[in-house]
Amino acid sequence: MGAVVSCAETSLLNLNHRPQIPDFSPLTCHQSQIESLFQTLGSCLMAIVNGIGSVLQAIIAGIVSCFDIIISCLTCGRGGGRRRGGRSAV
C-alpha cells in the first residue's frame, strides 16, 4: 500500500533515539531537599523577626502617644505639634 507512517511508528523505528532520563542521582535529590529546608527555615525566621518588629513598633508608638497626651495635658495643649486654627499671616 502506501508509505504513510505515523509518528509513533517512526519513533519506534529510530534506533538512535534515546529518551531523556531526568537526573535523580542521590546527591541532586538530597541537595534540593536541603536547599528547600534552608529556604523554609529562612522564611520562618524572617516571619518571626518581622512579627517581633511589628509588635515593638506598636508598643513604641503607644508609648509616644501616651507621652504626647501627658505633655499636651501639662501644657494645656500649647506644647507644639499641630496648630489648631489661628490667623494666617496673609
N, C-alpha and C. Protein backbone atom coordinates (compact mmCIF):
# COMPACT_ATOMS: atom_id res chain seq x y z
N MET A 1 0.82 -1.17 0.00
CA MET A 1 0.00 0.00 0.00
C MET A 1 0.87 1.24 0.00
N GLY A 2 0.56 2.20 0.82
CA GLY A 2 1.27 3.46 0.78
C GLY A 2 2.43 3.49 1.77
N ALA A 3 3.15 4.57 1.74
CA ALA A 3 4.30 4.74 2.62
C ALA A 3 3.96 5.69 3.77
N VAL A 4 2.73 5.67 4.22
CA VAL A 4 2.32 6.55 5.31
C VAL A 4 2.69 5.88 6.62
N VAL A 5 3.49 6.58 7.41
CA VAL A 5 3.95 6.03 8.69
C VAL A 5 3.62 7.06 9.76
N SER A 6 3.04 6.61 10.85
CA SER A 6 2.66 7.54 11.92
C SER A 6 3.88 7.93 12.74
N CYS A 7 3.73 8.95 13.58
CA CYS A 7 4.83 9.43 14.42
C CYS A 7 5.27 8.36 15.40
N ALA A 8 4.34 7.62 15.96
CA ALA A 8 4.69 6.57 16.91
C ALA A 8 5.53 5.50 16.24
N GLU A 9 5.20 5.16 15.02
CA GLU A 9 5.96 4.15 14.31
C GLU A 9 7.35 4.65 13.95
N THR A 10 7.49 5.94 13.63
CA THR A 10 8.81 6.46 13.28
C THR A 10 9.70 6.50 14.51
N SER A 11 9.15 6.80 15.70
CA SER A 11 9.98 6.81 16.89
C SER A 11 10.40 5.40 17.26
N LEU A 12 9.58 4.42 16.96
CA LEU A 12 9.97 3.03 17.23
C LEU A 12 11.03 2.57 16.24
N LEU A 13 10.98 3.09 15.03
CA LEU A 13 11.94 2.68 14.03
C LEU A 13 13.30 3.35 14.22
N ASN A 14 13.34 4.51 14.87
CA ASN A 14 14.58 5.24 15.07
C ASN A 14 15.34 4.61 16.24
N LEU A 15 16.38 3.86 15.95
CA LEU A 15 17.12 3.14 16.99
C LEU A 15 18.10 4.06 17.72
N ASN A 16 18.47 5.18 17.12
CA ASN A 16 19.40 6.09 17.77
C ASN A 16 18.73 6.99 18.80
N HIS A 17 17.44 7.01 18.81
CA HIS A 17 16.70 7.89 19.73
C HIS A 17 16.70 7.29 21.13
N ARG A 18 17.18 8.05 22.09
CA ARG A 18 17.14 7.62 23.49
C ARG A 18 16.34 8.66 24.27
N PRO A 19 15.37 8.24 25.04
CA PRO A 19 14.58 9.20 25.80
C PRO A 19 15.43 9.87 26.88
N GLN A 20 15.11 11.13 27.14
CA GLN A 20 15.83 11.86 28.17
C GLN A 20 15.37 11.37 29.54
N ILE A 21 16.31 10.89 30.32
CA ILE A 21 16.01 10.40 31.66
C ILE A 21 16.42 11.51 32.63
N PRO A 22 15.50 11.95 33.50
CA PRO A 22 15.87 13.01 34.45
C PRO A 22 16.94 12.52 35.41
N ASP A 23 17.76 13.46 35.87
CA ASP A 23 18.86 13.12 36.77
C ASP A 23 18.33 13.05 38.19
N PHE A 24 18.10 11.84 38.66
CA PHE A 24 17.64 11.64 40.03
C PHE A 24 18.73 11.01 40.86
N SER A 25 19.93 11.50 40.69
CA SER A 25 21.02 10.94 41.49
C SER A 25 20.79 11.33 42.94
N PRO A 26 21.27 10.52 43.88
CA PRO A 26 21.03 10.81 45.30
C PRO A 26 21.56 12.16 45.72
N LEU A 27 22.70 12.59 45.18
CA LEU A 27 23.27 13.87 45.57
C LEU A 27 22.36 15.02 45.14
N THR A 28 21.81 14.95 43.92
CA THR A 28 20.94 16.01 43.44
C THR A 28 19.65 16.07 44.25
N CYS A 29 19.08 14.92 44.56
CA CYS A 29 17.83 14.90 45.34
C CYS A 29 18.05 15.46 46.74
N HIS A 30 19.12 15.00 47.40
CA HIS A 30 19.37 15.47 48.75
C HIS A 30 19.74 16.94 48.77
N GLN A 31 20.46 17.39 47.75
CA GLN A 31 20.85 18.79 47.70
C GLN A 31 19.62 19.68 47.55
N SER A 32 18.68 19.31 46.69
CA SER A 32 17.49 20.13 46.52
C SER A 32 16.61 20.09 47.77
N GLN A 33 16.59 18.96 48.46
CA GLN A 33 15.81 18.86 49.70
C GLN A 33 16.43 19.73 50.78
N ILE A 34 17.75 19.74 50.87
CA ILE A 34 18.43 20.57 51.87
C ILE A 34 18.23 22.05 51.55
N GLU A 35 18.33 22.43 50.28
CA GLU A 35 18.08 23.83 49.89
C GLU A 35 16.66 24.24 50.24
N SER A 36 15.72 23.36 49.98
CA SER A 36 14.32 23.64 50.31
C SER A 36 14.15 23.80 51.81
N LEU A 37 14.82 22.96 52.58
CA LEU A 37 14.73 23.04 54.04
C LEU A 37 15.26 24.37 54.53
N PHE A 38 16.42 24.79 54.01
CA PHE A 38 17.00 26.06 54.45
C PHE A 38 16.16 27.26 54.00
N GLN A 39 15.57 27.18 52.83
CA GLN A 39 14.69 28.27 52.39
C GLN A 39 13.46 28.37 53.29
N THR A 40 12.92 27.22 53.68
CA THR A 40 11.75 27.22 54.57
C THR A 40 12.12 27.77 55.94
N LEU A 41 13.26 27.34 56.48
CA LEU A 41 13.70 27.86 57.78
C LEU A 41 13.97 29.36 57.72
N GLY A 42 14.59 29.82 56.63
CA GLY A 42 14.84 31.24 56.48
C GLY A 42 13.56 32.05 56.41
N SER A 43 12.57 31.54 55.69
CA SER A 43 11.28 32.24 55.60
C SER A 43 10.60 32.29 56.95
N CYS A 44 10.67 31.19 57.69
CA CYS A 44 10.05 31.14 59.01
C CYS A 44 10.72 32.12 59.97
N LEU A 45 12.04 32.15 59.96
CA LEU A 45 12.77 33.07 60.84
C LEU A 45 12.49 34.53 60.47
N MET A 46 12.41 34.82 59.17
CA MET A 46 12.11 36.19 58.76
C MET A 46 10.70 36.60 59.18
N ALA A 47 9.75 35.66 59.13
CA ALA A 47 8.39 35.96 59.57
C ALA A 47 8.37 36.26 61.07
N ILE A 48 9.14 35.50 61.85
CA ILE A 48 9.21 35.74 63.30
C ILE A 48 9.83 37.10 63.58
N VAL A 49 10.93 37.43 62.90
CA VAL A 49 11.60 38.72 63.11
C VAL A 49 10.67 39.87 62.71
N ASN A 50 9.96 39.73 61.59
CA ASN A 50 9.02 40.78 61.18
C ASN A 50 7.89 40.94 62.18
N GLY A 51 7.41 39.83 62.75
CA GLY A 51 6.36 39.90 63.76
C GLY A 51 6.83 40.61 65.02
N ILE A 52 8.04 40.28 65.47
CA ILE A 52 8.60 40.94 66.66
C ILE A 52 8.79 42.43 66.38
N GLY A 53 9.28 42.76 65.20
CA GLY A 53 9.47 44.17 64.85
C GLY A 53 8.16 44.93 64.84
N SER A 54 7.10 44.31 64.32
CA SER A 54 5.79 44.97 64.29
C SER A 54 5.26 45.19 65.70
N VAL A 55 5.43 44.20 66.57
CA VAL A 55 4.97 44.34 67.96
C VAL A 55 5.73 45.45 68.65
N LEU A 56 7.06 45.48 68.50
CA LEU A 56 7.85 46.55 69.13
C LEU A 56 7.49 47.93 68.58
N GLN A 57 7.23 48.00 67.28
CA GLN A 57 6.83 49.28 66.68
C GLN A 57 5.51 49.75 67.26
N ALA A 58 4.56 48.84 67.45
CA ALA A 58 3.26 49.21 68.02
C ALA A 58 3.42 49.66 69.47
N ILE A 59 4.26 48.97 70.24
CA ILE A 59 4.47 49.35 71.65
C ILE A 59 5.11 50.73 71.73
N ILE A 60 6.12 50.98 70.92
CA ILE A 60 6.80 52.28 70.95
C ILE A 60 5.85 53.39 70.51
N ALA A 61 5.03 53.13 69.49
CA ALA A 61 4.06 54.14 69.05
C ALA A 61 3.06 54.43 70.17
N GLY A 62 2.65 53.41 70.91
CA GLY A 62 1.74 53.63 72.03
C GLY A 62 2.37 54.46 73.14
N ILE A 63 3.63 54.18 73.45
CA ILE A 63 4.34 54.95 74.48
C ILE A 63 4.49 56.41 74.05
N VAL A 64 4.84 56.63 72.81
CA VAL A 64 4.97 58.00 72.30
C VAL A 64 3.64 58.73 72.37
N SER A 65 2.54 58.04 72.03
CA SER A 65 1.22 58.67 72.10
C SER A 65 0.86 59.02 73.54
N CYS A 66 1.21 58.14 74.48
CA CYS A 66 0.93 58.44 75.89
C CYS A 66 1.70 59.67 76.35
N PHE A 67 2.99 59.75 76.00
CA PHE A 67 3.76 60.93 76.36
C PHE A 67 3.21 62.18 75.70
N ASP A 68 2.74 62.06 74.47
CA ASP A 68 2.14 63.20 73.77
C ASP A 68 0.91 63.69 74.51
N ILE A 69 0.08 62.76 74.97
CA ILE A 69 -1.12 63.13 75.72
C ILE A 69 -0.76 63.79 77.05
N ILE A 70 0.21 63.22 77.76
CA ILE A 70 0.62 63.79 79.05
C ILE A 70 1.19 65.19 78.86
N ILE A 71 2.05 65.37 77.89
CA ILE A 71 2.64 66.69 77.65
C ILE A 71 1.57 67.68 77.21
N SER A 72 0.62 67.22 76.41
CA SER A 72 -0.46 68.10 75.97
C SER A 72 -1.31 68.53 77.15
N CYS A 73 -1.56 67.62 78.09
CA CYS A 73 -2.35 67.99 79.28
C CYS A 73 -1.59 68.96 80.17
N LEU A 74 -0.29 68.71 80.35
CA LEU A 74 0.50 69.56 81.24
C LEU A 74 0.69 70.96 80.68
N THR A 75 0.69 71.10 79.39
CA THR A 75 0.93 72.42 78.78
C THR A 75 -0.37 73.03 78.24
N CYS A 76 -1.50 72.47 78.60
CA CYS A 76 -2.80 72.96 78.14
C CYS A 76 -2.90 72.98 76.62
N GLY A 77 -2.27 72.06 75.96
CA GLY A 77 -2.38 71.94 74.52
C GLY A 77 -1.48 72.87 73.75
N ARG A 78 -0.55 73.58 74.44
CA ARG A 78 0.32 74.53 73.75
C ARG A 78 1.74 73.98 73.58
N GLY A 79 1.90 72.70 73.65
CA GLY A 79 3.24 72.12 73.64
C GLY A 79 3.87 71.99 72.27
N GLY A 80 3.19 72.34 71.24
CA GLY A 80 3.74 72.20 69.90
C GLY A 80 2.93 71.20 69.12
N GLY A 81 3.52 70.68 68.11
CA GLY A 81 2.80 69.71 67.27
C GLY A 81 1.90 70.41 66.30
N ARG A 82 0.65 69.99 66.22
CA ARG A 82 -0.28 70.56 65.26
C ARG A 82 -0.84 71.89 65.77
N ARG A 83 -1.05 72.78 64.85
CA ARG A 83 -1.68 74.07 65.20
C ARG A 83 -3.16 73.94 64.99
N ARG A 84 -3.90 74.43 65.94
CA ARG A 84 -5.37 74.35 65.85
C ARG A 84 -5.92 75.74 65.56
N GLY A 85 -6.25 75.98 64.32
CA GLY A 85 -6.85 77.26 63.94
C GLY A 85 -5.86 78.41 64.05
N GLY A 86 -6.34 79.58 64.10
CA GLY A 86 -5.47 80.75 64.23
C GLY A 86 -5.55 81.59 62.97
N ARG A 87 -4.87 82.72 63.02
CA ARG A 87 -4.87 83.61 61.87
C ARG A 87 -3.70 83.32 60.97
N SER A 88 -3.92 83.52 59.71
CA SER A 88 -2.83 83.37 58.75
C SER A 88 -2.14 84.72 58.60
N ALA A 89 -0.91 84.70 58.16
CA ALA A 89 -0.13 85.92 58.04
C ALA A 89 -0.36 86.63 56.72
N VAL A 90 -1.37 86.26 55.99
CA VAL A 90 -1.59 86.87 54.69
C VAL A 90 -2.32 88.15 54.79
